[in-house]
Amino acid sequence: MAGDLPDYYFRVRENGAFVFRVDTENRQRRIDMDQIAVVNIRKSEIKPHGDRELSEADVAAITEWMTERLKLIEHRDIDDILRAVDYLNTTTHWAQSRATEEQLEQVTDALLLAMHDLRTVLVRKKADRLLKDG
């Protein structure tokens, strides 16, 4: 099992990760994780932990993780939005076929405001793209 472990472990947090070097080559044959850096994805920063100096291999592994993590976050963002489209469709069906008057009264204003806000942003962004391309 220990031979299958990666050299680095990334403890993900909201805007990046804490980076640990994984060590299984010790006398006790236990897994040691030594924090070597802190990563901030939004700022594209890699900060060594404490007074550590990162090796080229460390920086390369962290940079590769950052690239893959950004791709994953982008994919998840689009997936979340497409899921929201599905929710809007199921909400429409619910409002048309199953919702009671009391339920509609409870959610109508919030839904109308959210949809109006979304529509306003989407129309403005679409117009900006059309003007830019035209």
Protein backbone atom coordinates (compact mmCIF):
# COMPACT_ATOMS: atom_id res chain seq x y z
CA MET A 1 0.00 0.00 0.00
CA ALA A 2 2.69 2.50 0.98
CA GLY A 3 4.34 2.14 -2.43
CA ASP A 4 1.10 3.29 -4.10
CA LEU A 5 0.97 6.62 -2.28
CA PRO A 6 1.74 9.83 -4.16
CA ASP A 7 4.77 11.94 -3.26
CA TYR A 8 2.56 14.90 -2.40
CA TYR A 9 -0.78 15.37 -0.66
CA PHE A 10 -2.89 18.49 -1.24
CA ARG A 11 -5.33 19.36 1.54
CA VAL A 12 -7.81 21.38 -0.47
CA ARG A 13 -9.28 24.55 0.95
CA GLU A 14 -11.54 27.17 -0.57
CA ASN A 15 -8.88 29.15 -2.40
CA GLY A 16 -6.08 26.62 -2.76
CA ALA A 17 -4.41 23.98 -0.63
CA PHE A 18 -1.90 23.10 2.01
CA VAL A 19 0.81 20.97 0.40
CA PHE A 20 2.41 18.05 2.21
CA ARG A 21 5.29 15.84 1.18
CA VAL A 22 4.35 12.22 1.85
CA ASP A 23 7.10 10.09 3.39
CA THR A 24 6.82 6.34 3.86
CA GLU A 25 10.56 5.65 3.86
CA ASN A 26 11.17 5.66 7.59
CA ARG A 27 12.08 3.02 10.16
CA GLN A 28 8.58 2.74 11.58
CA ARG A 29 7.10 2.28 8.07
CA ARG A 30 4.41 4.75 8.92
CA ILE A 31 3.08 7.54 6.75
CA ASP A 32 4.52 10.94 7.59
CA MET A 33 3.13 14.07 6.00
CA ASP A 34 5.33 17.14 6.22
CA GLN A 35 3.77 20.46 5.23
CA ILE A 36 5.96 22.16 2.67
CA ALA A 37 3.82 24.93 1.17
CA VAL A 38 0.56 26.83 0.98
CA VAL A 39 -1.06 27.41 -2.40
CA ASN A 40 -3.44 30.23 -3.32
CA ILE A 41 -5.16 29.40 -6.61
CA ARG A 42 -6.79 32.81 -7.07
CA LYS A 43 -3.48 34.64 -6.80
CA SER A 44 -1.41 31.86 -8.40
CA GLU A 45 0.86 31.92 -5.34
CA ILE A 46 3.02 29.17 -3.92
CA LYS A 47 4.40 30.07 -0.49
CA PRO A 48 6.90 27.76 1.18
CA HIS A 49 5.84 26.71 4.68
CA GLY A 50 8.03 28.20 7.39
CA ASP A 51 11.66 28.56 6.40
CA ARG A 52 11.50 25.82 3.80
CA GLU A 53 12.99 26.02 0.35
CA LEU A 54 11.05 24.21 -2.33
CA SER A 55 12.90 22.02 -4.80
CA GLU A 56 12.29 22.20 -8.54
CA ALA A 57 10.37 18.91 -8.21
CA ASP A 58 8.20 20.43 -5.46
CA VAL A 59 7.38 23.50 -7.55
CA ALA A 60 6.72 21.38 -10.66
CA ALA A 61 4.33 19.07 -8.76
CA ILE A 62 2.52 22.00 -7.16
CA THR A 63 2.24 23.86 -10.47
CA GLU A 64 0.85 20.75 -12.16
CA TRP A 65 -1.69 20.33 -9.33
CA MET A 66 -2.73 23.99 -9.67
CA THR A 67 -3.30 23.59 -13.42
CA GLU A 68 -5.39 20.44 -12.92
CA ARG A 69 -7.29 21.98 -10.01
CA LEU A 70 -8.23 25.05 -12.07
CA LYS A 71 -9.52 22.79 -14.85
CA LEU A 72 -11.59 20.85 -12.31
CA ILE A 73 -13.03 24.02 -10.77
CA GLU A 74 -13.96 25.35 -14.22
CA HIS A 75 -15.63 22.05 -15.11
CA ARG A 76 -17.56 22.06 -11.82
CA ASP A 77 -18.70 25.65 -12.37
CA ILE A 78 -20.19 24.80 -15.77
CA ASP A 79 -21.71 21.60 -14.40
CA ASP A 80 -23.34 23.59 -11.57
CA ILE A 81 -24.83 26.06 -14.04
CA LEU A 82 -26.17 23.30 -16.30
CA ARG A 83 -27.67 21.71 -13.20
CA ALA A 84 -29.31 25.06 -12.40
CA VAL A 85 -30.94 24.98 -15.86
CA ASP A 86 -32.34 21.55 -14.98
CA TYR A 87 -33.61 22.93 -11.66
CA LEU A 88 -35.33 25.79 -13.47
CA ASN A 89 -37.04 23.31 -15.77
CA THR A 90 -38.20 21.10 -12.91
CA THR A 91 -39.31 24.19 -11.00
CA THR A 92 -41.38 25.28 -14.00
CA HIS A 93 -43.00 21.86 -14.20
CA TRP A 94 -43.66 21.89 -10.44
CA ALA A 95 -45.21 25.38 -10.58
CA GLN A 96 -47.42 24.39 -13.51
CA SER A 97 -48.53 20.97 -12.36
CA ARG A 98 -48.17 20.37 -8.63
CA ALA A 99 -47.68 23.59 -6.66
CA THR A 100 -50.42 24.75 -4.37
CA GLU A 101 -51.44 28.39 -4.19
CA GLU A 102 -49.78 28.66 -0.79
CA GLN A 103 -46.53 27.21 -2.10
CA LEU A 104 -46.55 29.54 -5.08
CA GLU A 105 -47.21 32.50 -2.79
CA GLN A 106 -44.21 31.47 -0.72
CA VAL A 107 -41.71 31.30 -3.62
CA THR A 108 -43.00 33.48 -6.46
CA ASP A 109 -41.46 36.84 -5.51
CA ALA A 110 -38.04 35.33 -4.73
CA LEU A 111 -38.02 33.36 -7.98
CA LEU A 112 -39.19 36.33 -10.07
CA LEU A 113 -36.52 38.62 -8.62
CA ALA A 114 -33.75 36.02 -9.05
CA MET A 115 -34.82 35.27 -12.63
CA HIS A 116 -35.12 38.99 -13.46
CA ASP A 117 -31.62 39.61 -12.05
CA LEU A 118 -30.20 36.66 -14.00
CA ARG A 119 -31.95 37.71 -17.22
CA THR A 120 -30.66 41.28 -16.88
CA VAL A 121 -27.06 40.09 -16.46
CA LEU A 122 -27.30 37.55 -19.29
CA VAL A 123 -28.83 40.06 -21.73
CA ARG A 124 -26.18 42.68 -20.89
CA LYS A 125 -23.33 40.15 -21.27
CA LYS A 126 -24.78 38.87 -24.56
CA ALA A 127 -25.06 42.44 -25.89
CA ASP A 128 -21.46 43.12 -24.84
CA ARG A 129 -20.26 40.02 -26.69
CA LEU A 130 -22.25 40.94 -29.82
CA LEU A 131 -20.89 44.48 -29.84
CA LYS A 132 -17.36 43.22 -29.29
CA ASP A 133 -17.62 40.67 -32.12
CA GLY A 134 -19.47 43.01 -34.47
